[in-house]
Amino acid sequence: MVDNFSILLTHGLLLIAAWRLMHRDDLDKEAPPEPDHEPASFVKPSSPAGLRRDA
């Protein structure tokens, strides 16, 4: 009897916590991320066609 009560109590509390979290308004609003200042790449950008240096 005690085992069933403890399982019911803990699952009920988890259900209430999940229900309250799902109905919060601030979870649906998020500020957009800032754009990257530099590209996220290991390759250096190539030089423009007019500024080529031929050795």
N, C-alpha and C. Protein backbone atom coordinates (compact mmCIF):
# COMPACT_ATOMS: atom_id res chain seq x y z
N MET A 1 0.83 -1.20 0.00
CA MET A 1 0.00 0.00 0.00
C MET A 1 0.87 1.26 0.00
N VAL A 2 1.94 1.25 0.78
CA VAL A 2 2.81 2.42 0.87
C VAL A 2 3.55 2.61 -0.45
N ASP A 3 3.96 1.52 -1.10
CA ASP A 3 4.66 1.62 -2.37
C ASP A 3 3.77 2.27 -3.43
N ASN A 4 2.53 1.87 -3.51
CA ASN A 4 1.62 2.45 -4.49
C ASN A 4 1.38 3.93 -4.20
N PHE A 5 1.27 4.27 -2.94
CA PHE A 5 1.06 5.68 -2.57
C PHE A 5 2.26 6.53 -2.96
N SER A 6 3.47 6.05 -2.69
CA SER A 6 4.67 6.83 -3.00
C SER A 6 4.84 6.98 -4.51
N ILE A 7 4.55 5.95 -5.28
CA ILE A 7 4.64 6.05 -6.73
C ILE A 7 3.60 7.02 -7.26
N LEU A 8 2.38 6.94 -6.76
CA LEU A 8 1.32 7.84 -7.18
C LEU A 8 1.66 9.29 -6.80
N LEU A 9 2.18 9.51 -5.62
CA LEU A 9 2.52 10.85 -5.17
C LEU A 9 3.63 11.46 -6.03
N THR A 10 4.71 10.73 -6.26
CA THR A 10 5.82 11.29 -7.03
C THR A 10 5.42 11.53 -8.49
N HIS A 11 4.69 10.61 -9.09
CA HIS A 11 4.26 10.81 -10.47
C HIS A 11 3.24 11.95 -10.58
N GLY A 12 2.41 12.09 -9.58
CA GLY A 12 1.46 13.20 -9.58
C GLY A 12 2.17 14.55 -9.48
N LEU A 13 3.18 14.62 -8.63
CA LEU A 13 3.94 15.86 -8.51
C LEU A 13 4.71 16.18 -9.79
N LEU A 14 5.27 15.17 -10.44
CA LEU A 14 5.94 15.39 -11.72
C LEU A 14 4.96 15.86 -12.78
N LEU A 15 3.77 15.32 -12.78
CA LEU A 15 2.74 15.73 -13.74
C LEU A 15 2.33 17.18 -13.50
N ILE A 16 2.17 17.58 -12.25
CA ILE A 16 1.82 18.97 -11.94
C ILE A 16 2.95 19.91 -12.36
N ALA A 17 4.21 19.53 -12.11
CA ALA A 17 5.34 20.37 -12.49
C ALA A 17 5.41 20.52 -14.01
N ALA A 18 5.22 19.43 -14.74
CA ALA A 18 5.25 19.50 -16.21
C ALA A 18 4.10 20.35 -16.73
N TRP A 19 2.93 20.21 -16.15
CA TRP A 19 1.76 20.99 -16.56
C TRP A 19 2.00 22.49 -16.36
N ARG A 20 2.58 22.85 -15.22
CA ARG A 20 2.84 24.27 -14.95
C ARG A 20 3.93 24.82 -15.86
N LEU A 21 4.95 24.01 -16.18
CA LEU A 21 6.01 24.47 -17.07
C LEU A 21 5.50 24.67 -18.49
N MET A 22 4.61 23.80 -18.96
CA MET A 22 4.11 23.91 -20.33
C MET A 22 3.23 25.14 -20.52
N HIS A 23 2.62 25.63 -19.49
CA HIS A 23 1.69 26.74 -19.62
C HIS A 23 2.28 28.09 -19.22
N ARG A 24 3.61 28.17 -19.15
CA ARG A 24 4.26 29.46 -18.86
C ARG A 24 4.39 30.24 -20.15
N ASP A 25 4.05 31.53 -20.10
CA ASP A 25 4.13 32.38 -21.29
C ASP A 25 5.55 32.76 -21.65
N ASP A 26 6.43 32.88 -20.66
CA ASP A 26 7.78 33.34 -20.96
C ASP A 26 8.64 32.27 -21.65
N LEU A 27 8.18 31.04 -21.70
CA LEU A 27 8.95 30.01 -22.38
C LEU A 27 8.76 30.07 -23.90
N ASP A 28 7.73 30.76 -24.36
CA ASP A 28 7.47 30.84 -25.79
C ASP A 28 8.13 32.05 -26.44
N LYS A 29 8.67 32.97 -25.66
CA LYS A 29 9.27 34.18 -26.21
C LYS A 29 10.76 34.14 -25.97
N GLU A 30 11.50 34.31 -27.06
CA GLU A 30 12.94 34.25 -26.96
C GLU A 30 13.54 35.28 -27.91
N ALA A 31 14.53 35.99 -27.44
CA ALA A 31 15.19 36.99 -28.28
C ALA A 31 16.01 36.27 -29.34
N PRO A 32 16.04 36.80 -30.57
CA PRO A 32 16.84 36.15 -31.61
C PRO A 32 18.33 36.28 -31.31
N PRO A 33 19.12 35.32 -31.74
CA PRO A 33 20.56 35.39 -31.47
C PRO A 33 21.21 36.49 -32.29
N GLU A 34 22.31 37.02 -31.76
CA GLU A 34 23.05 38.05 -32.48
C GLU A 34 23.80 37.41 -33.65
N PRO A 35 23.88 38.11 -34.78
CA PRO A 35 24.61 37.52 -35.91
C PRO A 35 26.11 37.46 -35.62
N ASP A 36 26.77 36.50 -36.23
CA ASP A 36 28.22 36.35 -36.06
C ASP A 36 28.94 37.50 -36.74
N HIS A 37 29.99 38.00 -36.09
CA HIS A 37 30.79 39.05 -36.69
C HIS A 37 31.77 38.48 -37.72
N GLU A 38 32.21 37.26 -37.50
CA GLU A 38 33.12 36.60 -38.41
C GLU A 38 32.51 35.26 -38.79
N PRO A 39 32.78 34.78 -39.98
CA PRO A 39 32.26 33.47 -40.35
C PRO A 39 32.87 32.37 -39.47
N ALA A 40 32.09 31.39 -39.18
CA ALA A 40 32.55 30.29 -38.34
C ALA A 40 33.20 29.22 -39.21
N SER A 41 34.37 29.52 -39.74
CA SER A 41 35.05 28.62 -40.66
C SER A 41 36.55 28.70 -40.41
N PHE A 42 37.25 27.63 -40.75
CA PHE A 42 38.69 27.62 -40.61
C PHE A 42 39.39 28.09 -41.88
N VAL A 43 38.62 28.23 -42.96
CA VAL A 43 39.19 28.63 -44.24
C VAL A 43 39.17 30.14 -44.35
N LYS A 44 40.32 30.73 -44.73
CA LYS A 44 40.37 32.17 -44.91
C LYS A 44 39.62 32.55 -46.18
N PRO A 45 38.92 33.66 -46.18
CA PRO A 45 38.22 34.07 -47.40
C PRO A 45 39.24 34.41 -48.48
N SER A 46 38.90 34.09 -49.71
CA SER A 46 39.81 34.38 -50.82
C SER A 46 39.81 35.86 -51.13
N SER A 47 40.90 36.33 -51.71
CA SER A 47 41.00 37.75 -52.03
C SER A 47 40.14 38.04 -53.26
N PRO A 48 39.68 39.27 -53.42
CA PRO A 48 38.88 39.63 -54.59
C PRO A 48 39.68 39.43 -55.87
N ALA A 49 39.01 39.25 -57.00
CA ALA A 49 39.67 38.93 -58.27
C ALA A 49 40.59 40.04 -58.73
N GLY A 50 40.28 41.29 -58.45
CA GLY A 50 41.10 42.41 -58.92
C GLY A 50 42.37 42.60 -58.12
N LEU A 51 42.51 41.99 -56.96
CA LEU A 51 43.67 42.20 -56.09
C LEU A 51 44.56 40.96 -56.02
N ARG A 52 44.62 40.15 -57.07
CA ARG A 52 45.46 38.96 -57.05
C ARG A 52 46.93 39.32 -57.13
N ARG A 53 47.71 38.61 -56.37
CA ARG A 53 49.16 38.81 -56.42
C ARG A 53 49.78 37.60 -57.09
N ASP A 54 50.37 37.80 -58.23
CA ASP A 54 51.07 36.71 -58.92
C ASP A 54 52.56 36.83 -58.64
N ALA A 55 53.18 35.76 -58.22
CA ALA A 55 54.60 35.81 -57.90
C ALA A 55 55.46 35.43 -59.06
